[in-house]
């Protein structure tokens, strides 16, 4: 099973691509793990990963956000990341955005 480690909320979490994951993806709080369905396209994996990251933030911070609102936010954040790679690369690198 493919996996990567990510840092979120001061923790190291595992993200796995799992052929047995029945949904697009899921956040498993007790295990500190996000699972993505192995049959997803790369675009679907990216969008689902953003969605599950937001699910983790919601869960760990006891936020009251509906699933539909969280899904809209996840899709819009994923689109912003996908459509503006140069901007986010500069932000991540700590470079001036308006320079």
C-alpha atoms as a PDB file:
ATOM      1  CA  UNK A   1       0.000   0.000   0.000  1.00  0.00           C
ATOM      2  CA  UNK A   2       1.423   3.369  -1.044  1.00  0.00           C
ATOM      3  CA  UNK A   3       1.728   6.002   1.673  1.00  0.00           C
ATOM      4  CA  UNK A   4       3.273   9.355   2.462  1.00  0.00           C
ATOM      5  CA  UNK A   5       3.697  11.346   5.674  1.00  0.00           C
ATOM      6  CA  UNK A   6       2.331  14.866   6.067  1.00  0.00           C
ATOM      7  CA  UNK A   7       2.526  17.412   8.882  1.00  0.00           C
ATOM      8  CA  UNK A   8      -0.778  18.823  10.103  1.00  0.00           C
ATOM      9  CA  UNK A   9      -1.704  20.489  13.390  1.00  0.00           C
ATOM     10  CA  UNK A  10       1.707  19.699  14.871  1.00  0.00           C
ATOM     11  CA  UNK A  11       1.380  15.981  14.127  1.00  0.00           C
ATOM     12  CA  UNK A  12       2.780  13.653  11.514  1.00  0.00           C
ATOM     13  CA  UNK A  13      -0.067  11.885   9.742  1.00  0.00           C
ATOM     14  CA  UNK A  14      -0.039   9.029   7.263  1.00  0.00           C
ATOM     15  CA  UNK A  15      -1.815   9.300   3.928  1.00  0.00           C
ATOM     16  CA  UNK A  16      -2.427   5.932   2.271  1.00  0.00           C
ATOM     17  CA  UNK A  17      -3.777   4.928  -1.097  1.00  0.00           C
ATOM     18  CA  UNK A  18      -5.916   1.913  -0.269  1.00  0.00           C
ATOM     19  CA  UNK A  19      -7.654  -0.343  -2.806  1.00  0.00           C
ATOM     20  CA  UNK A  20     -10.091  -1.436  -0.066  1.00  0.00           C
ATOM     21  CA  UNK A  21     -11.211   2.104   0.920  1.00  0.00           C
ATOM     22  CA  UNK A  22     -14.947   2.073   0.065  1.00  0.00           C
ATOM     23  CA  UNK A  23     -15.350   5.871  -0.114  1.00  0.00           C
ATOM     24  CA  UNK A  24     -13.353   8.445  -2.054  1.00  0.00           C
ATOM     25  CA  UNK A  25     -11.396   8.941   1.158  1.00  0.00           C
ATOM     26  CA  UNK A  26     -11.666   8.947   4.928  1.00  0.00           C
ATOM     27  CA  UNK A  27     -10.033  10.463   8.015  1.00  0.00           C
ATOM     28  CA  UNK A  28      -9.207   7.949  10.766  1.00  0.00           C
ATOM     29  CA  UNK A  29      -8.582  10.077  13.846  1.00  0.00           C
ATOM     30  CA  UNK A  30      -7.453   7.331  16.229  1.00  0.00           C
ATOM     31  CA  UNK A  31      -4.848   6.115  13.739  1.00  0.00           C
ATOM     32  CA  UNK A  32      -3.781   9.587  12.576  1.00  0.00           C
ATOM     33  CA  UNK A  33      -4.402   8.422   9.044  1.00  0.00           C
ATOM     34  CA  UNK A  34      -6.097   9.558   5.851  1.00  0.00           C
ATOM     35  CA  UNK A  35      -7.006   6.864   3.347  1.00  0.00           C
ATOM     36  CA  UNK A  36      -7.671   7.569  -0.322  1.00  0.00           C
ATOM     37  CA  UNK A  37      -9.423   5.155  -2.657  1.00  0.00           C
ATOM     38  CA  UNK A  38      -6.859   3.661  -5.057  1.00  0.00           C
ATOM     39  CA  UNK A  39      -9.184   3.937  -8.061  1.00  0.00           C
ATOM     40  CA  UNK A  40      -9.271   7.755  -7.978  1.00  0.00           C
ATOM     41  CA  UNK A  41      -7.636   9.805 -10.720  1.00  0.00           C
ATOM     42  CA  UNK A  42      -4.758  12.070  -9.667  1.00  0.00           C
ATOM     43  CA  UNK A  43      -7.122  15.070  -9.699  1.00  0.00           C
ATOM     44  CA  UNK A  44      -9.663  13.209  -7.566  1.00  0.00           C
ATOM     45  CA  UNK A  45      -6.880  12.138  -5.168  1.00  0.00           C
ATOM     46  CA  UNK A  46      -5.748  15.745  -4.767  1.00  0.00           C
ATOM     47  CA  UNK A  47      -9.258  17.070  -4.194  1.00  0.00           C
ATOM     48  CA  UNK A  48     -10.054  14.226  -1.805  1.00  0.00           C
ATOM     49  CA  UNK A  49      -6.832  14.775   0.140  1.00  0.00           C
ATOM     50  CA  UNK A  50      -7.736  18.443   0.674  1.00  0.00           C
ATOM     51  CA  UNK A  51     -11.235  17.350   1.746  1.00  0.00           C
ATOM     52  CA  UNK A  52      -9.878  14.837   4.261  1.00  0.00           C
ATOM     53  CA  UNK A  53      -7.361  17.356   5.628  1.00  0.00           C
ATOM     54  CA  UNK A  54     -10.294  19.665   6.324  1.00  0.00           C
ATOM     55  CA  UNK A  55     -12.179  16.738   7.899  1.00  0.00           C
ATOM     56  CA  UNK A  56      -9.187  16.196  10.201  1.00  0.00           C
ATOM     57  CA  UNK A  57      -9.075  19.887  11.147  1.00  0.00           C
ATOM     58  CA  UNK A  58     -12.834  19.856  11.769  1.00  0.00           C
ATOM     59  CA  UNK A  59     -12.661  16.705  13.891  1.00  0.00           C
ATOM     60  CA  UNK A  60      -9.622  17.606  15.959  1.00  0.00           C
ATOM     61  CA  UNK A  61     -10.906  21.116  16.682  1.00  0.00           C
ATOM     62  CA  UNK A  62     -14.557  20.146  17.216  1.00  0.00           C
ATOM     63  CA  UNK A  63     -15.703  22.578  14.528  1.00  0.00           C
ATOM     64  CA  UNK A  64     -19.359  22.626  13.588  1.00  0.00           C
ATOM     65  CA  UNK A  65     -19.277  22.674   9.787  1.00  0.00           C
ATOM     66  CA  UNK A  66     -21.707  20.743   7.635  1.00  0.00           C
ATOM     67  CA  UNK A  67     -20.301  18.121   5.309  1.00  0.00           C
ATOM     68  CA  UNK A  68     -21.673  19.985   2.291  1.00  0.00           C
ATOM     69  CA  UNK A  69     -19.997  23.255   3.378  1.00  0.00           C
ATOM     70  CA  UNK A  70     -16.728  21.416   4.024  1.00  0.00           C
ATOM     71  CA  UNK A  71     -16.951  19.816   0.558  1.00  0.00           C
ATOM     72  CA  UNK A  72     -17.449  23.195  -1.123  1.00  0.00           C
ATOM     73  CA  UNK A  73     -14.479  24.669   0.762  1.00  0.00           C
ATOM     74  CA  UNK A  74     -12.284  21.671  -0.090  1.00  0.00           C
ATOM     75  CA  UNK A  75     -13.105  21.874  -3.800  1.00  0.00           C
ATOM     76  CA  UNK A  76     -12.453  25.614  -3.927  1.00  0.00           C
ATOM     77  CA  UNK A  77      -9.166  25.335  -2.003  1.00  0.00           C
ATOM     78  CA  UNK A  78      -8.027  22.488  -4.263  1.00  0.00           C
ATOM     79  CA  UNK A  79      -8.916  24.555  -7.355  1.00  0.00           C
ATOM     80  CA  UNK A  80      -6.976  27.550  -5.993  1.00  0.00           C
ATOM     81  CA  UNK A  81      -3.910  25.357  -5.347  1.00  0.00           C
ATOM     82  CA  UNK A  82      -4.174  23.670  -8.758  1.00  0.00           C
ATOM     83  CA  UNK A  83      -4.807  26.877 -10.717  1.00  0.00           C
ATOM     84  CA  UNK A  84      -2.087  28.974  -9.036  1.00  0.00           C
ATOM     85  CA  UNK A  85       0.952  26.711  -8.604  1.00  0.00           C
ATOM     86  CA  UNK A  86       3.498  29.515  -9.050  1.00  0.00           C
ATOM     87  CA  UNK A  87       1.863  31.622  -6.339  1.00  0.00           C
ATOM     88  CA  UNK A  88       1.723  28.779  -3.824  1.00  0.00           C
ATOM     89  CA  UNK A  89       5.284  27.714  -4.659  1.00  0.00           C
ATOM     90  CA  UNK A  90       6.423  31.256  -3.780  1.00  0.00           C
ATOM     91  CA  UNK A  91       4.406  31.246  -0.555  1.00  0.00           C
ATOM     92  CA  UNK A  92       5.814  27.859   0.458  1.00  0.00           C
ATOM     93  CA  UNK A  93       9.354  28.985  -0.362  1.00  0.00           C
ATOM     94  CA  UNK A  94       8.894  32.048   1.830  1.00  0.00           C
ATOM     95  CA  UNK A  95       9.373  34.404  -1.109  1.00  0.00           C
ATOM     96  CA  UNK A  96       7.683  37.766  -1.567  1.00  0.00           C
ATOM     97  CA  UNK A  97       4.311  37.341  -3.205  1.00  0.00           C
ATOM     98  CA  UNK A  98       3.995  40.937  -4.392  1.00  0.00           C
ATOM     99  CA  UNK A  99       7.625  41.546  -5.295  1.00  0.00           C
END
